[in-house]
Every structure is written in C-alpha cells, then in structure tokens.
Amino acid sequence: MDPTRGQGGIQMLLTAEQEAQQIVTEARNLKMARLRQAKDEAEKEVATYRTNLETDYRNQISQTSGDSDSTMKRLDKETEEKIENLKKAANKVSPHIVSMLTKHITSVNNNV
C-alpha cells in the first residue's frame, strides 16, 4: 500500500469535514438571522396591534363616558397595571424560551 495514497485520503476526509462544519455553521447563522428577523417583525405587529386597540379603546371610552377625566385616569391605571403584569409574565418565561430556542438551534439533526 502506498503511504502517500493514505495521506491523500486522510486529507480529503479532513477537507470534507471542514466543508461540512462550514455548511453547518452557515445554516445556524442563517437560522439565527431568520429568528431575529421574525422576532423584529412580531414586535412591530404587536406594537401596531396595541396602538390600534388603544385607539379603539379610547374612542369607546370617550363615547360612553363623555370623556370623563376620572374614568380615563382609572382606566389608564388599570391598563398600565395589566401591561406591567404581562411584561412580568413575559420576563418569567423569556429565559425558558431563549433556552429552548438555543437548544433547538444548536442541536444538529443527522437525519436530514
């Protein structure tokens, strides 16, 4: 057996392994970029939806209560409390979701 032939085969395997690792890394980077893009898009949609709901809410309040300052202040306070509760709930689950996403992003599925 020719030793140079064995070296060439090993070198080919090493090169193929490097190329495969590069492909996997690029795929992970693309996946992370898409996740960031999806998150940004979702945040924009939530902001738009929230603005629309607040506008509708204010219109309904002004129509039903004659734009009473005390009612508006009370409802604003209740709304802010609900928003804070939602933010707290989101902050509680956020680490778990990030952990879950990171786990799925970094795991390599060989069945592809």
Protein backbone atom coordinates (compact mmCIF):
# COMPACT_ATOMS: atom_id res chain seq x y z
CA MET A 1 0.00 0.00 0.00
CA ASP A 2 1.30 3.41 -0.96
CA PRO A 3 1.65 5.72 2.11
CA THR A 4 1.09 8.85 0.01
CA ARG A 5 -2.26 7.48 -1.11
CA GLY A 6 -3.35 7.03 2.51
CA GLN A 7 -2.28 10.59 3.28
CA GLY A 8 -4.31 11.87 0.35
CA GLY A 9 -7.39 10.03 1.59
CA ILE A 10 -6.97 11.45 5.08
CA GLN A 11 -6.52 14.93 3.66
CA MET A 12 -9.70 14.51 1.61
CA LEU A 13 -11.59 13.43 4.71
CA LEU A 14 -10.28 16.41 6.68
CA THR A 15 -11.24 18.77 3.88
CA ALA A 16 -14.71 17.25 3.64
CA GLU A 17 -15.15 17.54 7.41
CA GLN A 18 -14.14 21.22 7.32
CA GLU A 19 -16.57 21.90 4.49
CA ALA A 20 -19.36 20.13 6.36
CA GLN A 21 -18.63 22.15 9.51
CA GLN A 22 -18.68 25.34 7.46
CA ILE A 23 -22.06 24.41 5.95
CA VAL A 24 -23.49 23.66 9.40
CA THR A 25 -22.17 26.96 10.76
CA GLU A 26 -23.65 28.90 7.85
CA ALA A 27 -27.00 27.15 8.34
CA ARG A 28 -27.00 28.04 12.04
CA ASN A 29 -26.16 31.65 11.26
CA LEU A 30 -28.98 31.85 8.72
CA LYS A 31 -31.38 30.31 11.19
CA MET A 32 -30.38 32.80 13.90
CA ALA A 33 -30.77 35.70 11.46
CA ARG A 34 -34.25 34.49 10.49
CA LEU A 35 -35.22 34.13 14.15
CA ARG A 36 -34.07 37.69 14.84
CA GLN A 37 -36.00 38.91 11.81
CA ALA A 38 -39.13 37.04 12.89
CA LYS A 39 -38.83 38.50 16.39
CA ASP A 40 -38.50 42.02 15.00
CA GLU A 41 -41.49 41.52 12.72
CA ALA A 42 -43.55 40.15 15.60
CA GLU A 43 -42.64 43.10 17.81
CA LYS A 44 -43.71 45.52 15.09
CA GLU A 45 -47.01 43.71 14.64
CA VAL A 46 -47.62 43.73 18.39
CA ALA A 47 -46.89 47.45 18.58
CA THR A 48 -49.26 48.18 15.70
CA TYR A 49 -51.96 45.96 17.17
CA ARG A 50 -51.57 47.57 20.58
CA THR A 51 -51.80 51.07 19.11
CA ASN A 52 -54.97 50.13 17.24
CA LEU A 53 -56.52 48.60 20.34
CA GLU A 54 -55.65 51.63 22.45
CA THR A 55 -57.17 53.97 19.87
CA ASP A 56 -60.36 51.90 19.70
CA TYR A 57 -60.44 51.70 23.47
CA ARG A 58 -60.10 55.46 23.89
CA ASN A 59 -62.79 56.06 21.27
CA GLN A 60 -65.18 53.72 23.05
CA ILE A 61 -64.45 55.32 26.41
CA SER A 62 -64.95 58.82 25.10
CA GLN A 63 -68.27 57.81 23.51
CA THR A 64 -69.66 56.02 26.57
CA SER A 65 -68.42 58.21 29.40
CA GLY A 66 -68.38 61.63 27.83
CA ASP A 67 -64.57 61.72 28.19
CA SER A 68 -64.61 61.90 31.97
CA ASP A 69 -61.14 62.58 33.37
CA SER A 70 -61.56 60.37 36.42
CA THR A 71 -62.74 57.43 34.33
CA MET A 72 -59.87 57.89 31.89
CA LYS A 73 -57.34 58.05 34.72
CA ARG A 74 -58.75 54.93 36.34
CA LEU A 75 -58.78 53.04 33.06
CA ASP A 76 -55.27 54.22 32.20
CA LYS A 77 -54.07 52.99 35.59
CA GLU A 78 -55.79 49.62 35.12
CA THR A 79 -54.32 49.34 31.64
CA GLU A 80 -50.82 50.14 32.87
CA GLU A 81 -51.18 47.54 35.63
CA LYS A 82 -52.26 44.92 33.12
CA ILE A 83 -49.35 45.84 30.84
CA GLU A 84 -46.92 45.51 33.74
CA ASN A 85 -48.39 42.13 34.66
CA LEU A 86 -47.98 40.96 31.07
CA LYS A 87 -44.38 42.22 30.99
CA LYS A 88 -43.62 40.40 34.25
CA ALA A 89 -45.14 37.21 32.90
CA ALA A 90 -43.14 37.56 29.68
CA ASN A 91 -39.94 38.14 31.63
CA LYS A 92 -40.56 34.98 33.66
CA VAL A 93 -40.87 32.79 30.57
CA SER A 94 -38.32 34.59 28.43
CA PRO A 95 -35.25 32.69 29.76
CA HIS A 96 -37.01 29.37 29.21
CA ILE A 97 -37.95 30.31 25.65
CA VAL A 98 -34.44 31.56 24.87
CA SER A 99 -33.00 28.36 26.33
CA MET A 100 -35.39 26.25 24.28
CA LEU A 101 -34.63 28.16 21.07
CA THR A 102 -30.88 27.97 21.72
CA LYS A 103 -31.15 24.23 22.32
CA HIS A 104 -33.01 23.68 19.06
CA ILE A 105 -30.73 25.97 17.10
CA THR A 106 -27.51 24.44 18.33
CA SER A 107 -28.60 20.82 18.09
CA VAL A 108 -27.61 19.11 14.87
CA ASN A 109 -30.03 16.65 13.38
CA ASN A 110 -28.17 13.98 11.41
CA ASN A 111 -31.40 12.69 9.85
CA VAL A 112 -31.53 15.49 7.30
